[in-house]
Amino acid sequence: MGGVFNEELDPKLLCQYLAGECSIKRLQDPALGGRIINDEEQEVLKQSIKEISVSINKNLNDVLVNILTDISRFRLHLKYTRFAHRIFNRVSILTDDSDIELSKQASTLFQMPCAIEVEEGEAKIVHHTIMKADIRGSTVVTEMLEKQSLNPASYFSLHFFNPINEIIPRFGGVKVFIEGDAIILSFLEYQHTPEKWFSVARACGLARSMLRIIHANNQFAKKSELPNLELGIGICFVEEAPRFLFDGDQPIMISSAIGLADRLSSCSWKLREKMQSKVFSVDVLTYADEDRDKGEKGQEKIRYNVNGILLENAAFAKLEKEVKLRKISTTFGDHQEHLHYGLYKDIEGDRHDIVVREGRVGIWKNDDIIRGDGNAEPYYEVVTNGKVISMLREKLKSI
């Protein structure tokens, strides 16, 4: 087409004409940059329009597909851009040492060191077990000691806290905090040391040892004409790392297991007079439908836990992975109990046995206890009765 035209036409006007967006008259308007076009030139332009039309119609589907493909790619990358924008808005560069330590404890720190700064990574927590021991009777003991002009702090340190502090490292426990008359401990499991994942078994072992200390203290208290101390222990397992806040340099653990362990360690005053058995120390009941509104602190279950250890169901499932348990059924009084027996090692490598009773959740109805049948929800008590444990050992020898 270029060889026919002796003079150039305005490119913009020419494109508009070929696209059908302007007339031949407008193309020849000198005010718009056009010129007079002779007949031969007009014929060439008409022929060009036909060729363009044929070309467009011939490749229309391909053109549409290409256009739709480009639009789709654009929308996809636009979404990626918006997503990346949201992600980058959540990322911040930390320079303050306290902020770095807090983020590290919360498992939200990503470090990008230079080659010369690379060191062996710190152990990462992957699971944890929480144990709460609720001490009861300390207020009365404190008042009686003060009346006798004795130092309550020295008494509890000598007969309770010091002996407990001595055995905590043996079972791998870490103090979370002491809350009034309660002690909360954690047992942590780290990513690259699965051979040490015995947090539930060791928590149970420490709990049993704490109850032995309570028993020894009560023997001393009896001679000194002081009231007994009572302990209720709850143990929970969570298959993830806890979170941490910091009060200055002091880490504060945040875990859903702490609240649950608190409930497991509690004991309802309603059940104290009703419980007759001295063989076991734990019982769990659910409220009857008509008594739902009578639940203490909005709880659906009512628990008896006097010098006992109540194991959360998820914690028992973890214990079955840690220890090879043998299930034995035996009769106590007029009903049958299912017991699980196993062995585990503490931090120092010493072997200990563990016995867990598989109870069934009963019903609390009209201030009375209805025992749970075999179809009821199970609960698990770590047995501390020495006679039951000895009897079970002898029974296993004959099997």
Protein backbone atom coordinates (compact mmCIF):
# COMPACT_ATOMS: atom_id res chain seq x y z
CA MET A 1 0.00 0.00 0.00
CA GLY A 2 2.89 2.34 0.77
CA GLY A 3 4.10 2.37 -2.90
CA VAL A 4 0.79 3.84 -4.17
CA PHE A 5 0.83 6.88 -1.91
CA ASN A 6 3.11 9.68 -3.02
CA GLU A 7 2.64 11.65 0.15
CA GLU A 8 2.34 10.48 3.75
CA LEU A 9 -0.97 10.43 5.56
CA ASP A 10 -1.43 11.16 9.26
CA PRO A 11 -0.89 7.69 10.87
CA LYS A 12 -3.58 8.24 13.49
CA LEU A 13 -6.20 9.23 10.93
CA LEU A 14 -5.19 6.36 8.67
CA CYS A 15 -5.58 3.81 11.45
CA GLN A 16 -8.99 5.26 12.41
CA TYR A 17 -10.15 5.04 8.78
CA LEU A 18 -8.95 1.46 8.34
CA ALA A 19 -10.71 0.54 11.60
CA GLY A 20 -13.94 2.12 10.38
CA GLU A 21 -13.88 4.87 12.96
CA CYS A 22 -13.73 7.82 10.57
CA SER A 23 -14.96 8.68 7.06
CA ILE A 24 -12.96 9.34 3.87
CA LYS A 25 -13.97 13.00 4.19
CA ARG A 26 -12.34 13.26 7.61
CA LEU A 27 -9.24 11.49 6.30
CA GLN A 28 -8.90 14.27 3.65
CA ASP A 29 -9.48 17.19 6.07
CA PRO A 30 -6.30 19.40 5.99
CA ALA A 31 -7.16 20.81 9.43
CA LEU A 32 -6.71 17.32 10.91
CA GLY A 33 -3.49 16.56 9.03
CA GLY A 34 -5.15 14.89 6.05
CA ARG A 35 -4.97 15.55 2.31
CA ILE A 36 -6.87 14.94 -0.91
CA ILE A 37 -6.84 11.25 -1.85
CA ASN A 38 -7.23 10.32 -5.53
CA ASP A 39 -9.37 7.48 -6.87
CA GLU A 40 -6.49 5.02 -7.16
CA GLU A 41 -5.50 5.65 -3.55
CA GLN A 42 -9.11 5.27 -2.37
CA GLU A 43 -9.32 1.93 -4.14
CA VAL A 44 -6.15 0.77 -2.40
CA LEU A 45 -7.58 1.82 0.98
CA LYS A 46 -10.83 -0.04 0.32
CA GLN A 47 -8.89 -3.14 -0.64
CA SER A 48 -6.82 -2.86 2.53
CA ILE A 49 -10.00 -2.64 4.63
CA LYS A 50 -11.29 -5.86 2.98
CA GLU A 51 -8.00 -7.67 3.64
CA ILE A 52 -7.99 -6.56 7.28
CA SER A 53 -11.60 -7.70 7.69
CA VAL A 54 -10.82 -11.12 6.17
CA SER A 55 -7.76 -11.50 8.38
CA ILE A 56 -9.70 -10.58 11.50
CA ASN A 57 -12.59 -12.94 10.75
CA LYS A 58 -10.19 -15.76 9.88
CA ASN A 59 -8.25 -15.51 13.21
CA LEU A 60 -11.08 -14.22 15.40
CA ASN A 61 -11.22 -17.30 17.64
CA ASP A 62 -7.48 -17.30 18.16
CA VAL A 63 -7.52 -13.61 18.96
CA LEU A 64 -10.34 -14.02 21.46
CA VAL A 65 -8.58 -16.95 23.12
CA ASN A 66 -5.38 -14.94 23.39
CA ILE A 67 -7.26 -11.98 24.85
CA LEU A 68 -9.09 -14.13 27.40
CA THR A 69 -5.83 -15.89 28.31
CA ASP A 70 -4.08 -12.58 28.89
CA ILE A 71 -7.00 -11.28 31.01
CA SER A 72 -6.99 -14.47 33.11
CA ARG A 73 -3.25 -14.24 33.66
CA PHE A 74 -3.62 -10.61 34.63
CA ARG A 75 -6.34 -11.39 37.18
CA LEU A 76 -4.31 -14.29 38.61
CA HIS A 77 -1.19 -12.17 39.05
CA LEU A 78 -3.30 -9.36 40.47
CA LYS A 79 -4.56 -11.75 43.16
CA TYR A 80 -0.98 -12.90 43.84
CA THR A 81 0.03 -9.25 44.19
CA ARG A 82 -2.74 -8.55 46.69
CA PHE A 83 -1.94 -11.73 48.63
CA ALA A 84 1.75 -10.83 48.73
CA HIS A 85 0.82 -7.35 49.89
CA ARG A 86 -1.15 -8.76 52.84
CA ILE A 87 1.72 -11.12 53.74
CA PHE A 88 4.36 -8.42 53.63
CA ASN A 89 2.19 -6.20 55.83
CA ARG A 90 2.42 -8.92 58.52
CA VAL A 91 6.21 -9.12 58.34
CA SER A 92 8.41 -6.82 60.38
CA ILE A 93 12.16 -6.61 60.85
CA LEU A 94 13.15 -6.90 64.50
CA THR A 95 16.25 -5.22 65.90
CA ASP A 96 15.48 -4.99 69.63
CA ASP A 97 16.85 -7.97 71.60
CA SER A 98 13.74 -8.31 73.78
CA ASP A 99 11.46 -8.31 70.71
CA ILE A 100 13.64 -10.95 69.05
CA GLU A 101 13.55 -13.19 72.15
CA LEU A 102 9.76 -12.81 72.48
CA SER A 103 9.22 -13.69 68.80
CA LYS A 104 11.59 -16.65 69.13
CA GLN A 105 9.69 -18.06 72.12
CA ALA A 106 6.41 -17.62 70.25
CA SER A 107 7.83 -19.53 67.24
CA THR A 108 7.21 -16.57 64.92
CA LEU A 109 10.85 -15.61 64.33
CA PHE A 110 12.47 -16.30 60.96
CA GLN A 111 16.20 -15.65 60.94
CA MET A 112 18.21 -14.99 57.78
CA PRO A 113 21.84 -14.99 58.93
CA CYS A 114 24.90 -14.53 56.78
CA ALA A 115 27.06 -17.59 56.12
CA ILE A 116 29.51 -16.67 58.90
CA GLU A 117 26.60 -16.23 61.37
CA VAL A 118 25.08 -19.66 60.84
CA GLU A 119 25.08 -21.72 64.05
CA GLU A 120 23.46 -24.96 65.05
CA GLY A 121 19.75 -24.21 65.56
CA GLU A 122 18.14 -24.20 68.98
CA ALA A 123 15.87 -27.08 69.91
CA LYS A 124 12.26 -26.47 68.86
CA ILE A 125 9.37 -27.46 71.14
CA VAL A 126 6.76 -29.56 69.32
CA HIS A 127 4.54 -30.99 72.12
CA HIS A 128 4.03 -30.31 75.80
CA THR A 129 2.36 -31.74 78.88
CA ILE A 130 0.99 -29.65 81.74
CA MET A 131 0.56 -30.85 85.32
CA LYS A 132 -1.29 -28.84 87.95
CA ALA A 133 -1.14 -29.80 91.63
CA ASP A 134 -3.79 -28.10 93.74
CA ILE A 135 -2.76 -28.04 97.42
CA ARG A 136 -5.65 -27.92 99.89
CA GLY A 137 -5.55 -27.32 103.62
CA SER A 138 -2.50 -25.05 103.63
CA THR A 139 -4.48 -22.06 104.94
CA VAL A 140 -5.62 -23.96 108.05
CA VAL A 141 -2.09 -25.32 108.64
CA THR A 142 -0.65 -21.80 108.29
CA GLU A 143 -3.11 -20.39 110.86
CA MET A 144 -2.34 -23.18 113.34
CA LEU A 145 1.43 -22.72 112.93
CA GLU A 146 1.12 -18.99 113.52
CA LYS A 147 -0.92 -19.62 116.69
CA GLN A 148 1.97 -21.80 117.91
CA SER A 149 4.45 -19.00 117.00
CA LEU A 150 5.99 -21.19 114.27
CA ASN A 151 7.13 -20.03 110.84
CA PRO A 152 4.76 -21.35 108.11
CA ALA A 153 7.27 -20.53 105.34
CA SER A 154 9.93 -22.70 106.98
CA TYR A 155 7.43 -25.49 107.59
CA PHE A 156 6.25 -25.68 103.96
CA SER A 157 9.76 -25.24 102.58
CA LEU A 158 11.14 -28.03 104.73
CA HIS A 159 8.29 -30.52 104.36
CA PHE A 160 6.88 -29.75 100.92
CA PHE A 161 8.55 -27.34 98.49
CA ASN A 162 12.18 -28.35 99.05
CA PRO A 163 11.52 -32.11 98.58
CA ILE A 164 9.47 -31.40 95.45
CA ASN A 165 12.15 -29.11 94.00
CA GLU A 166 14.69 -31.88 94.42
CA ILE A 167 12.73 -34.41 92.33
CA ILE A 168 11.44 -32.13 89.53
CA PRO A 169 14.65 -32.38 87.39
CA ARG A 170 14.62 -36.18 87.68
CA PHE A 171 11.34 -36.30 85.74
CA GLY A 172 12.15 -33.48 83.31
CA GLY A 173 9.66 -31.00 84.74
CA VAL A 174 9.90 -27.22 84.42
CA LYS A 175 8.11 -24.84 86.78
CA VAL A 176 5.60 -22.67 84.97
CA PHE A 177 4.56 -20.76 88.08
CA ILE A 178 3.25 -21.14 91.62
CA GLU A 179 -0.25 -19.74 91.96
CA GLY A 180 -1.21 -19.43 95.62
CA ASP A 181 -1.59 -23.03 96.80
CA ALA A 182 -1.12 -24.53 93.32
CA ILE A 183 1.96 -25.62 91.43
CA ILE A 184 1.95 -25.76 87.63
CA LEU A 185 4.70 -27.68 85.80
CA SER A 186 5.42 -28.28 82.12
CA PHE A 187 7.10 -31.22 80.40
CA LEU A 188 8.41 -30.27 76.97
CA GLU A 189 9.17 -32.43 73.94
CA TYR A 190 11.65 -31.20 71.32
CA GLN A 191 11.68 -31.73 67.57
CA HIS A 192 14.88 -33.70 67.03
CA THR A 193 14.80 -35.88 70.17
CA PRO A 194 11.82 -38.26 69.75
CA GLU A 195 13.64 -40.82 71.90
CA LYS A 196 12.94 -38.52 74.86
CA TRP A 197 9.21 -38.06 74.22
CA PHE A 198 7.96 -39.43 77.56
CA SER A 199 6.37 -36.25 78.88
CA VAL A 200 3.09 -37.83 80.04
CA ALA A 201 4.72 -40.85 81.72
CA ARG A 202 7.21 -38.63 83.53
CA ALA A 203 4.50 -36.19 84.57
CA CYS A 204 2.62 -39.14 86.09
CA GLY A 205 5.81 -40.27 87.84
CA LEU A 206 6.42 -36.83 89.32
CA ALA A 207 2.78 -36.63 90.42
CA ARG A 208 3.08 -39.94 92.29
CA SER A 209 6.28 -38.74 93.97
CA MET A 210 4.56 -35.52 95.05
CA LEU A 211 1.78 -37.54 96.66
CA ARG A 212 4.38 -39.56 98.56
CA ILE A 213 5.78 -36.27 99.89
CA ILE A 214 2.28 -35.21 100.94
CA HIS A 215 1.81 -38.55 102.72
CA ALA A 216 5.12 -38.13 104.58
CA ASN A 217 4.16 -34.57 105.53
CA ASN A 218 0.81 -35.77 106.88
CA GLN A 219 2.57 -38.38 109.01
CA PHE A 220 4.66 -35.58 110.53
CA ALA A 221 1.59 -33.34 110.89
CA LYS A 222 -0.24 -36.08 112.79
CA LYS A 223 2.57 -36.23 115.34
CA SER A 224 2.57 -32.43 115.59
CA GLU A 225 -1.25 -32.29 115.91
CA LEU A 226 -1.56 -30.34 112.66
CA PRO A 227 -4.24 -30.93 110.00
CA ASN A 228 -3.41 -32.94 106.89
CA LEU A 229 -2.61 -31.45 103.51
CA GLU A 230 -4.56 -32.67 100.50
CA LEU A 231 -3.49 -32.72 96.87
CA GLY A 232 -5.49 -32.93 93.65
CA ILE A 233 -3.48 -33.34 90.42
CA GLY A 234 -4.55 -32.94 86.79
CA ILE A 235 -2.38 -33.84 83.78
CA CYS A 236 -3.04 -32.71 80.17
CA PHE A 237 -1.19 -33.14 76.88
CA VAL A 238 -1.20 -30.82 73.85
CA GLU A 239 0.27 -31.92 70.51
CA GLU A 240 1.79 -28.52 69.79
CA ALA A 241 4.20 -26.04 71.35
CA PRO A 242 3.00 -23.60 74.00
CA ARG A 243 3.15 -19.85 73.42
CA PHE A 244 5.11 -17.41 75.57
CA LEU A 245 4.72 -13.83 76.70
CA PHE A 246 7.42 -11.94 78.59
CA ASP A 247 7.25 -9.93 81.79
CA GLY A 248 10.64 -8.27 81.48
CA ASP A 249 13.03 -11.21 81.14
CA GLN A 250 10.56 -13.66 82.70
CA PRO A 251 8.74 -15.92 80.17
CA ILE A 252 5.02 -16.52 80.81
CA MET A 253 3.63 -19.70 79.24
CA ILE A 254 0.30 -19.56 77.43
CA SER A 255 -1.37 -22.95 76.95
CA SER A 256 -4.94 -24.23 76.77
CA ALA A 257 -3.79 -27.20 78.86
CA ILE A 258 -3.31 -25.02 81.95
CA GLY A 259 -7.02 -24.26 82.31
CA LEU A 260 -8.00 -27.87 81.63
CA ALA A 261 -5.45 -29.21 84.14
CA ASP A 262 -6.93 -26.81 86.69
CA ARG A 263 -10.38 -28.34 86.23
CA LEU A 264 -9.02 -31.88 86.42
CA SER A 265 -7.22 -31.14 89.70
CA SER A 266 -10.34 -29.72 91.33
CA CYS A 267 -12.66 -31.56 93.71
CA SER A 268 -16.36 -30.85 94.17
CA TRP A 269 -17.53 -30.41 97.75
CA LYS A 270 -20.77 -32.18 96.77
CA LEU A 271 -18.97 -35.49 96.25
CA ARG A 272 -16.86 -35.60 99.42
CA GLU A 273 -19.58 -37.07 101.63
CA LYS A 274 -20.89 -39.35 98.88
CA MET A 275 -17.63 -41.09 98.02
CA GLN A 276 -17.26 -44.32 99.98
CA SER A 277 -14.41 -46.19 98.28
CA LYS A 278 -10.94 -45.75 99.74
CA VAL A 279 -9.29 -47.89 97.06
CA PHE A 280 -9.21 -45.18 94.38
CA SER A 281 -8.94 -41.41 94.69
CA VAL A 282 -10.69 -40.09 91.56
CA ASP A 283 -14.20 -40.18 90.13
CA VAL A 284 -15.86 -38.24 87.32
CA LEU A 285 -19.60 -37.69 86.85
CA THR A 286 -21.70 -35.80 84.37
CA TYR A 287 -24.81 -33.89 85.38
CA ALA A 288 -28.18 -35.41 84.57
CA ASP A 289 -30.18 -33.44 82.00
CA GLU A 290 -32.44 -31.91 84.65
CA ASP A 291 -29.41 -30.86 86.74
CA ARG A 292 -27.40 -29.15 83.96
CA ASP A 293 -28.02 -25.70 85.43
CA LYS A 294 -26.49 -26.80 88.75
CA GLY A 295 -22.99 -27.19 87.33
CA GLU A 296 -20.20 -25.50 89.25
CA LYS A 297 -18.65 -22.61 87.25
CA GLY A 298 -20.66 -23.71 84.20
CA GLN A 299 -18.94 -27.12 84.05
CA GLU A 300 -20.66 -30.11 82.47
CA LYS A 301 -18.81 -32.57 84.72
CA ILE A 302 -18.38 -32.88 88.45
CA ARG A 303 -15.14 -34.38 89.77
CA TYR A 304 -13.86 -36.02 92.93
CA ASN A 305 -10.08 -35.77 93.31
CA VAL A 306 -8.63 -36.23 96.80
CA ASN A 307 -4.91 -37.12 96.74
CA GLY A 308 -5.50 -38.43 93.24
CA ILE A 309 -4.17 -37.95 89.71
CA LEU A 310 -6.68 -37.43 86.91
CA LEU A 311 -5.30 -37.95 83.40
CA GLU A 312 -6.94 -36.20 80.45
CA ASN A 313 -8.09 -38.63 77.72
CA ALA A 314 -5.70 -37.13 75.14
CA ALA A 315 -2.87 -37.53 77.66
CA PHE A 316 -3.73 -41.23 78.11
CA ALA A 317 -3.66 -41.68 74.32
CA LYS A 318 -0.16 -40.14 74.34
CA LEU A 319 0.85 -42.41 77.24
CA GLU A 320 -0.10 -45.45 75.15
CA LYS A 321 2.45 -44.30 72.55
CA GLU A 322 5.14 -43.78 75.18
CA VAL A 323 4.70 -46.97 77.18
CA LYS A 324 3.70 -50.51 76.28
CA LEU A 325 0.63 -50.99 78.49
CA ARG A 326 -0.91 -54.31 79.50
CA LYS A 327 -4.62 -54.24 80.29
CA ILE A 328 -5.83 -56.30 83.25
CA SER A 329 -9.41 -56.60 84.49
CA THR A 330 -9.96 -57.35 88.17
CA THR A 331 -12.78 -57.10 90.70
CA PHE A 332 -12.90 -54.65 93.61
CA GLY A 333 -15.88 -55.11 95.88
CA ASP A 334 -18.96 -55.56 93.73
CA HIS A 335 -17.68 -54.15 90.46
CA GLN A 336 -14.96 -54.79 87.91
CA GLU A 337 -12.13 -52.38 87.14
CA HIS A 338 -9.86 -52.21 84.09
CA LEU A 339 -6.22 -51.40 84.86
CA HIS A 340 -3.32 -50.64 82.52
CA TYR A 341 0.23 -51.47 83.62
CA GLY A 342 3.52 -50.38 82.06
CA LEU A 343 7.14 -49.37 82.66
CA TYR A 344 9.05 -46.22 81.69
CA LYS A 345 12.39 -44.54 82.42
CA ASP A 346 13.03 -41.17 84.06
CA ILE A 347 15.67 -38.65 82.96
CA GLU A 348 18.37 -40.54 84.88
CA GLY A 349 17.46 -43.86 83.22
CA ASP A 350 15.82 -45.47 86.27
CA ARG A 351 12.78 -47.63 85.53
CA HIS A 352 9.40 -46.96 87.15
CA ASP A 353 6.06 -48.68 86.83
CA ILE A 354 2.80 -46.93 86.12
CA VAL A 355 -0.76 -48.14 86.66
CA VAL A 356 -3.76 -46.37 85.15
CA ARG A 357 -7.37 -47.15 86.00
CA GLU A 358 -9.88 -46.84 83.16
CA GLY A 359 -13.05 -45.63 84.82
CA ARG A 360 -16.43 -44.76 83.32
CA VAL A 361 -18.12 -41.39 83.71
CA GLY A 362 -21.18 -41.77 85.94
CA ILE A 363 -24.20 -39.51 86.39
CA TRP A 364 -24.92 -37.03 89.17
CA LYS A 365 -28.69 -36.97 89.58
CA ASN A 366 -30.71 -35.55 92.46
CA ASP A 367 -27.57 -35.36 94.63
CA ASP A 368 -26.89 -39.05 94.11
CA ILE A 369 -24.33 -41.07 92.13
CA ILE A 370 -25.26 -43.43 89.30
CA ARG A 371 -22.27 -45.50 88.24
CA GLY A 372 -21.31 -45.37 84.56
CA ASP A 373 -21.78 -48.54 82.51
CA GLY A 374 -19.44 -50.01 79.91
CA ASN A 375 -20.79 -47.70 77.18
CA ALA A 376 -20.13 -44.51 79.14
CA GLU A 377 -17.30 -42.11 78.34
CA PRO A 378 -13.98 -43.27 79.87
CA TYR A 379 -11.77 -41.32 82.25
CA TYR A 380 -8.30 -42.23 83.48
CA GLU A 381 -6.81 -42.19 86.98
CA VAL A 382 -3.13 -42.79 87.73
CA VAL A 383 -3.29 -45.31 90.56
CA THR A 384 -1.30 -44.44 93.71
CA ASN A 385 -2.66 -47.12 96.06
CA GLY A 386 0.37 -49.30 96.88
CA LYS A 387 -1.75 -52.37 97.64
CA VAL A 388 -3.44 -52.21 94.23
CA ILE A 389 -0.09 -51.83 92.44
CA SER A 390 1.46 -54.75 94.36
CA MET A 391 -1.59 -56.92 93.68
CA LEU A 392 -1.39 -56.10 89.99
CA ARG A 393 2.32 -56.98 89.83
CA GLU A 394 1.62 -60.38 91.36
CA LYS A 395 -1.26 -60.98 88.98
CA LEU A 396 0.91 -60.16 85.96
CA LYS A 397 3.50 -62.72 87.08
CA SER A 398 0.92 -65.49 86.75
CA ILE A 399 -0.22 -64.47 83.27
